[in-house]
Amino acid sequence: MNGVPLEPIGIADLGRVHIIGIGGAGMSGIARVLLARSVQVSGSDAKDSRRIAALRALGAQIAVGHDPDNLGSADSVIVSTAIKGKNVELVSAYQRGLRVLPRAVALSILMADSKGVAVAGTHGKTTTTSMLTVALQHCGADPSFVIGSEINETGSNAHSGSGDFFIAEADESDGSFLHLGASAGIVTNVEADHLDYWGSLEAVEQAFDDFVVGIGERGGFAVICVDDAGGARLAERTRRLGIDVRTYGESVDADFQVEVLSHSAIGWRFNVLIHGVRTGPIELQVPGRHNVLNATAALVCGLGLGFASRELAEGLQSFTGTRRRFEFRGQADGVRVFDDYAHHPTEIEATLRAARDVVGDGRLIVAFQAYHYYRAALFGVEFGVALGLADDVVVLEVFAPSGELIPGASGQLIAANVPLPAEHVVFEPSWSAAPAELVRRSQPGDIIMTLGAGDISMMGPEVLSLLARRQREAGDAGR
């Protein structure tokens, strides 16, 4: 980035901070911690949101819309890669010679005086970071944290704690996870994603190598899932370099082996073998076999940080989820409505398998909106196959707030690859028509689930409203 050189600085050097795109998950978390540490914060975003309302209540001055005047008397500007170089506030910041910090650099400044723990991986970062945070809180620690979504237990995605630890969700999408300076880390999996930035799977794998090597150079340890092929290769490569790697998974090759005991619509019950000794059953309150692995990652990391297995397990059992991760939005006319952030084929498969545990004898009706054209082009077939785990599928057009249109990369391509009878799949290019289509396909006992990283998260209330209307109309007709 151009602008003031990124010399080593502390929080006291930041002065007054302006955050462009302050309503984003990561940026709002940084703002929360800065405000808690008595830093004056202003910011801007394209639209209002409940995160912005919460930050205003904490003292941040936030404008909706971008304007150079929003910078005011800022000394430093924090910006994410989602903000393009032509943004008028960013351009003005450079012209004025202000210190411009990428999000990851700002986060590393917040973490500098703590024992940093970074949670990385192609999928599962948010839930695993949240689980580790809740587990450590149960152990009596008060860690600082910045997470990509709000934890149900606290209603917040960030906190400036009084304890020694700072837990951060580490974003690999733009390489920023390489700059956090953590002394402990988790890698949940390594797959091809964000190839608009990395270009190839080989580059993604090299970045995760660099992430783990950096932790090793700081004398720390890395916790890696070996049930994932990419994770297993990462563990093997980095162990050969002498790095302290602790592996987990159901695989017999794992240092910490998971034994799944049973599951229900509520969650999963499992043991973990720790040096040959079983933890005793851990009972999760969140659905999905993948969350057994996420919880085990948190357990293994917590052990490495010096906490007791029994207390960590109790903390994991108290965890009830995060926003937009299998989030229950409500029920009407006997139909339950859930929302999930899943936007990669592997995530969709895991989420829909979890939904199968929850739906029982009902049917699973899914709306999916791909995020960015490059994903639709790269995973058009894989998206379709994963969505085939549902009973009915409504595919929306791609949500692409930025990026070039790629010929053929569309929701229609994805719908064509769903391996269900034609009457059970529809491509619906009109966002406003999709809720009615979902409701039309549903009946009492079913689950309607919205999937994607874009604005599809806003669809749940409209679906519930239509379900409630159908129920009222049925009641009126029966009188």
Protein backbone atom coordinates (compact mmCIF):
# COMPACT_ATOMS: atom_id res chain seq x y z
CA MET A 1 0.00 0.00 0.00
CA ASN A 2 1.09 3.54 -0.65
CA GLY A 3 1.03 6.20 2.02
CA VAL A 4 2.88 6.44 5.32
CA PRO A 5 5.40 3.56 5.72
CA LEU A 6 4.22 0.74 7.97
CA GLU A 7 6.87 1.16 10.66
CA PRO A 8 6.41 -0.76 13.93
CA ILE A 9 3.85 1.12 15.98
CA GLY A 10 1.68 0.60 19.02
CA ILE A 11 -1.90 1.51 19.81
CA ALA A 12 -0.81 4.79 21.37
CA ASP A 13 0.76 5.82 18.05
CA LEU A 14 -2.48 5.43 16.09
CA GLY A 15 -4.06 8.65 17.34
CA ARG A 16 -7.61 9.09 16.09
CA VAL A 17 -8.62 6.19 13.87
CA HIS A 18 -11.00 6.16 10.90
CA ILE A 19 -12.18 2.76 9.59
CA ILE A 20 -13.45 2.46 6.02
CA GLY A 21 -16.02 -0.32 5.83
CA ILE A 22 -16.49 -0.34 9.59
CA GLY A 23 -19.66 -2.47 9.42
CA GLY A 24 -17.82 -5.55 8.14
CA ALA A 25 -17.32 -8.52 10.42
CA GLY A 26 -13.58 -8.12 10.87
CA MET A 27 -13.50 -4.33 10.80
CA SER A 28 -16.29 -3.92 13.36
CA GLY A 29 -14.38 -6.26 15.68
CA ILE A 30 -11.25 -4.14 15.44
CA ALA A 31 -13.35 -1.04 16.12
CA ARG A 32 -14.80 -2.64 19.27
CA VAL A 33 -11.36 -3.41 20.68
CA LEU A 34 -10.01 0.05 19.83
CA LEU A 35 -12.97 1.71 21.54
CA ALA A 36 -12.49 -0.49 24.61
CA ARG A 37 -8.87 0.68 24.72
CA SER A 38 -9.92 4.35 24.70
CA VAL A 39 -9.04 5.10 21.08
CA GLN A 40 -11.23 7.66 19.29
CA VAL A 41 -12.87 5.86 16.38
CA SER A 42 -14.82 7.11 13.39
CA GLY A 43 -15.86 5.15 10.34
CA SER A 44 -18.03 4.80 7.29
CA ASP A 45 -19.90 2.11 5.41
CA ALA A 46 -22.17 1.83 2.40
CA LYS A 47 -25.22 0.96 4.49
CA ASP A 48 -26.45 0.97 8.06
CA SER A 49 -26.53 -2.23 10.10
CA ARG A 50 -26.98 -3.53 13.62
CA ARG A 51 -23.20 -3.76 13.96
CA ILE A 52 -22.93 -0.06 13.18
CA ALA A 53 -25.71 0.73 15.65
CA ALA A 54 -23.82 -1.20 18.34
CA LEU A 55 -20.58 0.67 17.59
CA ARG A 56 -22.35 4.02 17.72
CA ALA A 57 -23.65 3.08 21.16
CA LEU A 58 -20.03 2.48 22.21
CA GLY A 59 -19.00 5.97 21.05
CA ALA A 60 -17.93 5.58 17.42
CA GLN A 61 -18.84 8.35 14.97
CA ILE A 62 -20.06 6.57 11.85
CA ALA A 63 -21.32 7.91 8.52
CA VAL A 64 -23.41 5.97 6.03
CA GLY A 65 -21.90 6.59 2.60
CA HIS A 66 -18.34 7.49 1.67
CA ASP A 67 -17.10 11.08 1.59
CA PRO A 68 -13.61 12.58 2.13
CA ASP A 69 -15.07 14.79 4.87
CA ASN A 70 -15.77 11.64 6.90
CA LEU A 71 -12.04 11.43 7.68
CA GLY A 72 -12.31 14.50 9.88
CA SER A 73 -9.18 14.84 12.00
CA ALA A 74 -8.12 11.20 11.69
CA ASP A 75 -4.45 10.34 12.14
CA SER A 76 -4.70 6.73 10.95
CA VAL A 77 -7.01 4.95 8.52
CA ILE A 78 -7.76 1.22 8.60
CA VAL A 79 -8.98 -0.39 5.41
CA SER A 80 -9.79 -3.91 4.26
CA THR A 81 -9.10 -5.40 0.86
CA ALA A 82 -12.85 -5.20 0.19
CA ILE A 83 -12.35 -1.44 -0.20
CA LYS A 84 -11.07 -0.60 -3.66
CA GLY A 85 -8.27 1.88 -4.31
CA LYS A 86 -10.59 4.40 -5.94
CA ASN A 87 -12.66 4.81 -2.75
CA VAL A 88 -12.86 8.57 -2.19
CA GLU A 89 -11.96 8.35 1.49
CA LEU A 90 -8.95 6.14 0.80
CA VAL A 91 -7.76 8.44 -1.99
CA SER A 92 -8.09 11.43 0.34
CA ALA A 93 -6.20 9.62 3.12
CA TYR A 94 -3.25 9.06 0.81
CA GLN A 95 -3.37 12.66 -0.43
CA ARG A 96 -3.31 13.93 3.14
CA GLY A 97 -0.40 11.66 4.06
CA LEU A 98 -2.31 9.80 6.73
CA ARG A 99 -1.12 6.47 8.05
CA VAL A 100 -3.06 3.82 6.07
CA LEU A 101 -3.12 0.37 7.63
CA PRO A 102 -4.43 -2.88 6.15
CA ARG A 103 -6.83 -4.70 8.43
CA ALA A 104 -4.31 -7.42 9.29
CA VAL A 105 -1.68 -4.89 10.34
CA ALA A 106 -4.19 -3.14 12.57
CA LEU A 107 -5.15 -6.47 14.12
CA SER A 108 -1.50 -7.37 14.70
CA ILE A 109 -1.03 -4.08 16.57
CA LEU A 110 -3.94 -4.97 18.86
CA MET A 111 -2.44 -8.43 19.46
CA ALA A 112 1.15 -7.27 19.96
CA ASP A 113 1.16 -7.24 23.78
CA SER A 114 -0.78 -10.51 24.14
CA LYS A 115 -0.18 -14.21 23.56
CA GLY A 116 -1.68 -14.42 20.11
CA VAL A 117 -3.72 -17.39 18.92
CA ALA A 118 -4.70 -17.40 15.23
CA VAL A 119 -7.37 -19.74 13.86
CA ALA A 120 -6.97 -20.39 10.14
CA GLY A 121 -8.38 -22.74 7.52
CA THR A 122 -10.51 -22.70 4.38
CA HIS A 123 -13.63 -23.56 6.40
CA GLY A 124 -14.64 -23.58 10.05
CA LYS A 125 -12.60 -20.63 11.25
CA THR A 126 -15.45 -18.66 12.78
CA THR A 127 -16.96 -21.57 14.72
CA THR A 128 -13.59 -22.88 15.90
CA THR A 129 -12.46 -19.42 17.05
CA SER A 130 -15.76 -18.99 18.87
CA MET A 131 -15.53 -22.42 20.51
CA LEU A 132 -11.98 -21.75 21.72
CA THR A 133 -13.04 -18.37 23.10
CA VAL A 134 -16.02 -19.79 25.01
CA ALA A 135 -13.92 -22.71 26.30
CA LEU A 136 -11.20 -20.39 27.65
CA GLN A 137 -13.80 -18.11 29.22
CA HIS A 138 -15.25 -21.15 31.01
CA CYS A 139 -11.75 -21.90 32.29
CA GLY A 140 -11.69 -18.50 33.98
CA ALA A 141 -9.60 -16.72 31.39
CA ASP A 142 -10.72 -13.41 29.91
CA PRO A 143 -9.19 -13.47 26.42
CA SER A 144 -9.43 -10.67 23.94
CA PHE A 145 -10.92 -11.82 20.67
CA VAL A 146 -11.90 -10.73 17.18
CA ILE A 147 -14.15 -13.16 15.29
CA GLY A 148 -15.96 -13.03 11.96
CA SER A 149 -19.40 -13.38 13.55
CA GLU A 150 -21.22 -12.78 16.81
CA ILE A 151 -21.02 -15.52 19.46
CA ASN A 152 -24.46 -16.46 20.79
CA GLU A 153 -23.22 -16.48 24.38
CA THR A 154 -22.06 -12.84 24.30
CA GLY A 155 -23.85 -11.36 21.29
CA SER A 156 -20.54 -9.84 20.24
CA ASN A 157 -17.82 -10.56 17.69
CA ALA A 158 -15.02 -8.88 19.64
CA HIS A 159 -13.86 -8.08 23.15
CA SER A 160 -10.86 -6.47 24.82
CA GLY A 161 -10.14 -8.83 27.70
CA SER A 162 -8.06 -8.56 30.83
CA GLY A 163 -6.29 -11.88 30.22
CA ASP A 164 -3.02 -12.76 28.51
CA PHE A 165 -4.50 -14.27 25.35
CA PHE A 166 -5.78 -12.68 22.14
CA ILE A 167 -7.72 -15.07 19.89
CA ALA A 168 -8.20 -14.01 16.28
CA GLU A 169 -9.93 -15.50 13.30
CA ALA A 170 -7.15 -15.48 10.71
CA ASP A 171 -8.31 -14.64 7.18
CA GLU A 172 -6.40 -16.30 4.35
CA SER A 173 -8.45 -14.65 1.59
CA ASP A 174 -5.89 -11.88 1.04
CA GLY A 175 -2.82 -13.25 2.82
CA SER A 176 -3.51 -11.17 5.89
CA PHE A 177 -3.23 -14.20 8.20
CA LEU A 178 0.52 -14.16 7.64
CA HIS A 179 0.94 -10.85 9.49
CA LEU A 180 -0.67 -11.52 12.88
CA GLY A 181 2.45 -12.61 14.78
CA ALA A 182 0.62 -15.39 16.63
CA SER A 183 2.50 -17.84 18.85
CA ALA A 184 -0.16 -20.57 18.54
CA GLY A 185 -2.40 -21.46 15.65
CA ILE A 186 -5.07 -23.80 14.35
CA VAL A 187 -5.52 -24.95 10.74
CA THR A 188 -8.89 -26.60 10.24
CA ASN A 189 -8.37 -27.53 6.57
CA VAL A 190 -6.59 -26.42 3.39
CA GLU A 191 -8.54 -26.35 0.10
CA ALA A 192 -8.70 -24.32 -3.08
CA ASP A 193 -10.55 -21.07 -2.43
CA HIS A 194 -10.00 -17.34 -2.94
CA LEU A 195 -8.20 -18.19 -6.16
CA ASP A 196 -9.01 -14.69 -7.41
CA TYR A 197 -6.21 -13.65 -5.02
CA TRP A 198 -3.94 -16.72 -4.85
CA GLY A 199 -4.25 -17.99 -8.42
CA SER A 200 -3.69 -21.68 -7.65
CA LEU A 201 -4.04 -24.34 -4.97
CA GLU A 202 -0.24 -24.54 -4.83
CA ALA A 203 -0.08 -20.88 -3.82
CA VAL A 204 -2.75 -21.46 -1.14
CA GLU A 205 -0.76 -24.39 0.26
CA GLN A 206 2.43 -22.33 0.30
CA ALA A 207 0.64 -19.60 2.24
CA PHE A 208 -0.47 -22.09 4.91
CA ASP A 209 3.09 -23.43 5.06
CA ASP A 210 4.30 -19.89 5.68
CA PHE A 211 1.62 -19.41 8.35
CA VAL A 212 2.71 -22.50 10.30
CA VAL A 213 6.42 -21.84 9.77
CA GLY A 214 5.96 -18.32 11.17
CA ILE A 215 4.37 -19.75 14.31
CA GLY A 216 7.27 -22.19 14.64
CA GLU A 217 9.82 -19.39 14.28
CA ARG A 218 8.15 -17.65 17.22
CA GLY A 219 8.53 -20.80 19.33
CA GLY A 220 4.85 -21.71 19.19
CA PHE A 221 2.77 -24.72 18.20
CA ALA A 222 0.27 -25.46 15.44
CA VAL A 223 -2.87 -27.60 15.69
CA ILE A 224 -3.78 -29.19 12.33
CA CYS A 225 -6.63 -31.45 11.20
CA VAL A 226 -5.34 -34.57 9.45
CA ASP A 227 -8.78 -35.80 8.39
CA ASP A 228 -8.44 -33.13 5.71
CA ALA A 229 -6.06 -34.13 2.92
CA GLY A 230 -4.63 -30.62 2.65
CA GLY A 231 -4.17 -30.44 6.41
CA ALA A 232 -2.43 -33.83 6.49
CA ARG A 233 0.04 -32.71 3.82
CA LEU A 234 0.63 -29.43 5.68
CA ALA A 235 1.32 -31.28 8.94
CA GLU A 236 3.78 -33.62 7.25
CA ARG A 237 5.66 -30.82 5.48
CA THR A 238 5.97 -28.56 8.50
CA ARG A 239 6.87 -31.34 10.94
CA ARG A 240 9.84 -32.17 8.76
CA LEU A 241 11.03 -28.62 9.48
CA GLY A 242 11.01 -29.32 13.23
CA ILE A 243 7.89 -27.31 14.02
CA ASP A 244 5.73 -28.35 16.99
CA VAL A 245 2.68 -29.71 15.16
CA ARG A 246 -0.21 -31.34 17.05
CA THR A 247 -2.66 -33.19 14.84
CA TYR A 248 -6.30 -34.10 15.46
CA GLY A 249 -9.08 -35.98 13.71
CA GLU A 250 -10.84 -39.32 13.47
CA SER A 251 -7.82 -40.70 11.63
CA VAL A 252 -5.76 -43.32 13.49
CA ASP A 253 -2.73 -41.20 12.53
CA ALA A 254 -3.95 -38.23 14.60
CA ASP A 255 -2.11 -37.31 17.81
CA PHE A 256 -5.50 -36.50 19.34
CA GLN A 257 -7.96 -39.05 17.97
CA VAL A 258 -11.69 -38.40 17.91
CA GLU A 259 -14.12 -41.20 18.75
CA VAL A 260 -17.66 -40.31 17.67
CA LEU A 261 -20.19 -41.99 19.98
CA SER A 262 -23.63 -40.82 18.85
CA HIS A 263 -25.60 -37.88 17.52
CA SER A 264 -29.07 -36.37 17.60
CA ALA A 265 -30.88 -33.38 16.18
CA ILE A 266 -29.33 -31.30 18.96
CA GLY A 267 -25.67 -32.22 18.55
CA TRP A 268 -22.94 -34.83 18.71
CA ARG A 269 -21.38 -36.90 21.50
CA PHE A 270 -17.72 -37.90 21.28
CA ASN A 271 -14.48 -38.72 23.09
CA VAL A 272 -10.96 -37.52 22.38
CA LEU A 273 -7.97 -39.76 23.10
CA ILE A 274 -5.30 -37.65 24.79
CA HIS A 275 -2.08 -39.65 25.01
CA GLY A 276 -4.18 -42.80 25.12
CA VAL A 277 -6.58 -41.51 27.80
CA ARG A 278 -10.20 -40.71 26.89
CA THR A 279 -11.64 -37.35 27.86
CA GLY A 280 -15.02 -38.83 28.71
CA PRO A 281 -18.02 -37.96 26.56
CA ILE A 282 -18.21 -34.39 25.27
CA GLU A 283 -21.75 -33.45 24.24
CA LEU A 284 -22.07 -30.56 21.79
CA GLN A 285 -25.18 -28.39 21.52
CA VAL A 286 -24.61 -27.60 17.84
CA PRO A 287 -25.41 -29.94 14.91
CA GLY A 288 -22.99 -31.24 12.32
CA ARG A 289 -20.22 -33.84 12.40
CA HIS A 290 -17.80 -31.15 11.22
CA ASN A 291 -18.35 -29.37 14.52
CA VAL A 292 -16.91 -32.37 16.35
CA LEU A 293 -13.63 -31.61 14.59
CA ASN A 294 -13.94 -27.88 15.24
CA ALA A 295 -14.48 -28.56 18.94
CA THR A 296 -11.52 -30.94 19.04
CA ALA A 297 -9.30 -28.28 17.49
CA ALA A 298 -10.33 -25.88 20.25
CA LEU A 299 -9.73 -28.54 22.90
CA VAL A 300 -6.23 -29.40 21.63
CA CYS A 301 -5.27 -25.74 21.35
CA GLY A 302 -6.60 -25.00 24.84
CA LEU A 303 -4.53 -27.86 26.24
CA GLY A 304 -1.46 -26.41 24.53
CA LEU A 305 -2.18 -23.05 26.17
CA GLY A 306 -2.11 -24.73 29.59
CA PHE A 307 -5.78 -25.26 30.42
CA ALA A 308 -7.30 -28.44 31.85
CA SER A 309 -9.15 -30.86 29.57
CA ARG A 310 -12.18 -31.23 31.85
CA GLU A 311 -12.81 -27.48 32.07
CA LEU A 312 -12.23 -27.03 28.35
CA ALA A 313 -14.73 -29.81 27.62
CA GLU A 314 -17.30 -28.22 29.90
CA GLY A 315 -16.85 -24.93 28.06
CA LEU A 316 -17.30 -26.61 24.68
CA GLN A 317 -20.50 -28.23 25.92
CA SER A 318 -21.88 -24.80 26.78
CA PHE A 319 -21.29 -23.41 23.28
CA THR A 320 -24.52 -22.77 21.35
CA GLY A 321 -23.27 -21.31 18.07
CA THR A 322 -22.66 -18.08 16.21
CA ARG A 323 -24.65 -15.85 13.93
CA ARG A 324 -25.07 -17.14 10.35
CA ARG A 325 -23.70 -20.59 11.22
CA PHE A 326 -26.76 -22.85 11.12
CA GLU A 327 -28.63 -19.92 12.66
CA PHE A 328 -32.28 -20.56 13.51
CA ARG A 329 -34.32 -17.64 12.18
CA GLY A 330 -37.76 -18.74 13.31
CA GLN A 331 -40.71 -21.04 12.63
CA ALA A 332 -44.10 -20.49 11.03
CA ASP A 333 -46.77 -22.82 9.68
CA GLY A 334 -44.77 -25.76 11.02
CA VAL A 335 -41.71 -24.90 8.90
CA ARG A 336 -38.36 -24.09 10.51
CA VAL A 337 -36.15 -21.51 8.81
CA PHE A 338 -32.35 -21.50 9.13
CA ASP A 339 -29.58 -19.39 7.61
CA ASP A 340 -25.95 -20.32 7.02
CA TYR A 341 -22.89 -18.57 5.61
CA ALA A 342 -21.76 -21.65 3.61
CA HIS A 343 -20.40 -20.47 0.27
CA HIS A 344 -17.95 -23.24 -0.74
CA PRO A 345 -19.01 -26.74 -1.85
CA THR A 346 -17.34 -28.39 1.15
CA GLU A 347 -19.15 -26.03 3.52
CA ILE A 348 -22.48 -26.61 1.80
CA GLU A 349 -22.08 -30.38 2.03
CA ALA A 350 -21.24 -30.21 5.76
CA THR A 351 -24.15 -27.85 6.48
CA LEU A 352 -26.71 -29.90 4.58
CA ARG A 353 -25.56 -33.13 6.22
CA ALA A 354 -26.07 -31.40 9.56
CA ALA A 355 -29.50 -30.24 8.41
CA ARG A 356 -30.40 -33.86 7.62
CA ASP A 357 -29.81 -34.68 11.29
CA VAL A 358 -32.12 -31.86 12.33
CA VAL A 359 -34.99 -32.17 9.84
CA GLY A 360 -36.03 -35.69 10.89
CA ASP A 361 -38.87 -36.94 8.68
CA GLY A 362 -39.34 -33.55 7.03
CA ARG A 363 -37.91 -32.29 3.79
CA LEU A 364 -34.98 -29.94 3.24
CA ILE A 365 -35.61 -26.97 0.94
CA VAL A 366 -32.59 -24.82 0.16
CA ALA A 367 -31.96 -21.45 -1.46
CA PHE A 368 -28.36 -20.86 -2.54
CA GLN A 369 -26.62 -17.76 -3.81
CA ALA A 370 -23.01 -18.12 -5.02
CA TYR A 371 -20.57 -15.44 -3.88
CA HIS A 372 -18.40 -14.03 -6.71
CA TYR A 373 -18.26 -15.10 -10.33
CA TYR A 374 -14.94 -16.89 -9.99
CA ARG A 375 -16.45 -19.34 -7.48
CA ALA A 376 -19.42 -20.02 -9.75
CA ALA A 377 -17.00 -20.68 -12.62
CA LEU A 378 -14.58 -22.80 -10.58
CA PHE A 379 -17.11 -24.82 -8.58
CA GLY A 380 -20.18 -24.91 -10.84
CA VAL A 381 -20.32 -28.72 -10.80
CA GLU A 382 -19.27 -29.10 -7.16
CA PHE A 383 -21.91 -26.62 -5.98
CA GLY A 384 -24.56 -28.61 -7.82
CA VAL A 385 -23.44 -31.93 -6.35
CA ALA A 386 -23.40 -30.53 -2.79
CA LEU A 387 -26.85 -28.96 -3.20
CA GLY A 388 -28.13 -32.36 -4.31
CA LEU A 389 -28.23 -33.32 -0.62
CA ALA A 390 -31.41 -31.22 -0.36
CA ASP A 391 -34.89 -32.26 -1.48
CA ASP A 392 -35.67 -29.03 -3.31
CA VAL A 393 -33.24 -26.35 -4.45
CA VAL A 394 -33.77 -22.73 -5.50
CA VAL A 395 -30.62 -21.23 -7.03
CA LEU A 396 -30.32 -17.44 -7.20
CA GLU A 397 -28.09 -15.40 -9.45
CA VAL A 398 -24.50 -14.88 -8.33
CA PHE A 399 -23.90 -12.18 -5.71
CA ALA A 400 -20.86 -10.28 -6.96
CA PRO A 401 -20.30 -6.91 -5.27
CA SER A 402 -17.03 -6.65 -7.21
CA GLY A 403 -15.16 -8.57 -9.85
CA GLU A 404 -15.45 -9.08 -13.58
CA LEU A 405 -18.33 -11.01 -15.09
CA ILE A 406 -17.13 -14.43 -16.28
CA PRO A 407 -19.07 -15.80 -19.26
CA GLY A 408 -21.09 -18.85 -18.23
CA ALA A 409 -20.52 -18.31 -14.51
CA SER A 410 -24.08 -18.00 -13.29
CA GLY A 411 -26.69 -19.42 -10.98
CA GLN A 412 -28.19 -21.13 -14.01
CA LEU A 413 -24.99 -23.16 -14.46
CA ILE A 414 -25.13 -24.28 -10.83
CA ALA A 415 -28.81 -25.22 -11.05
CA ALA A 416 -28.12 -27.32 -14.14
CA ASN A 417 -25.60 -29.36 -12.13
CA VAL A 418 -27.91 -30.22 -9.22
CA PRO A 419 -28.53 -34.01 -9.50
CA LEU A 420 -32.24 -33.89 -8.61
CA PRO A 421 -35.32 -34.33 -10.81
CA ALA A 422 -36.04 -31.18 -12.79
CA GLU A 423 -39.21 -30.40 -10.83
CA HIS A 424 -37.14 -30.16 -7.63
CA VAL A 425 -34.63 -27.59 -8.92
CA VAL A 426 -35.25 -24.07 -10.15
CA PHE A 427 -33.03 -21.16 -11.15
CA GLU A 428 -34.76 -18.01 -9.89
CA PRO A 429 -32.90 -14.88 -11.05
CA SER A 430 -35.30 -12.58 -9.18
CA TRP A 431 -34.28 -12.21 -5.54
CA SER A 432 -37.75 -10.89 -4.63
CA ALA A 433 -39.46 -13.96 -6.13
CA ALA A 434 -37.31 -16.52 -4.33
CA PRO A 435 -39.02 -16.40 -0.89
CA ALA A 436 -42.41 -17.26 -2.42
CA GLU A 437 -40.82 -20.10 -4.38
CA LEU A 438 -39.35 -21.55 -1.20
CA VAL A 439 -42.64 -21.30 0.65
CA ARG A 440 -44.55 -22.86 -2.26
CA ARG A 441 -42.33 -25.93 -2.04
CA SER A 442 -42.60 -26.32 1.74
CA GLN A 443 -45.03 -28.04 4.08
CA PRO A 444 -45.21 -28.47 7.87
CA GLY A 445 -42.26 -30.44 9.23
CA ASP A 446 -39.86 -29.14 6.59
CA ILE A 447 -36.76 -26.97 6.93
CA ILE A 448 -36.10 -24.00 4.67
CA MET A 449 -32.45 -23.01 4.64
CA THR A 450 -30.77 -20.02 2.99
CA LEU A 451 -27.10 -20.48 2.08
CA GLY A 452 -24.47 -18.01 0.90
CA ALA A 453 -22.14 -15.19 1.87
CA GLY A 454 -24.09 -12.39 0.18
CA ASP A 455 -27.38 -10.66 0.87
CA ILE A 456 -29.31 -13.94 0.95
CA SER A 457 -29.02 -13.70 4.73
CA MET A 458 -31.77 -11.06 4.53
CA MET A 459 -34.27 -13.52 3.05
CA GLY A 460 -35.27 -15.34 6.25
CA PRO A 461 -37.71 -12.72 7.62
CA GLU A 462 -39.53 -12.52 4.27
CA VAL A 463 -39.85 -16.32 4.15
CA LEU A 464 -41.23 -16.37 7.69
CA SER A 465 -43.71 -13.61 6.85
CA LEU A 466 -45.01 -15.55 3.85
CA LEU A 467 -45.27 -18.75 5.91
CA ALA A 468 -47.23 -16.91 8.59
CA ARG A 469 -49.57 -15.48 5.93
CA ARG A 470 -50.16 -18.94 4.50
CA GLN A 471 -51.00 -20.22 7.95
CA ARG A 472 -53.47 -17.37 8.55
CA GLU A 473 -55.11 -17.87 5.20
CA ALA A 474 -55.48 -21.59 5.82
CA GLY A 475 -57.05 -20.81 9.18
CA ASP A 476 -59.48 -18.32 7.63
CA ALA A 477 -60.47 -20.83 4.94
CA GLY A 478 -61.20 -23.42 7.57
CA ARG A 479 -63.64 -21.23 9.46
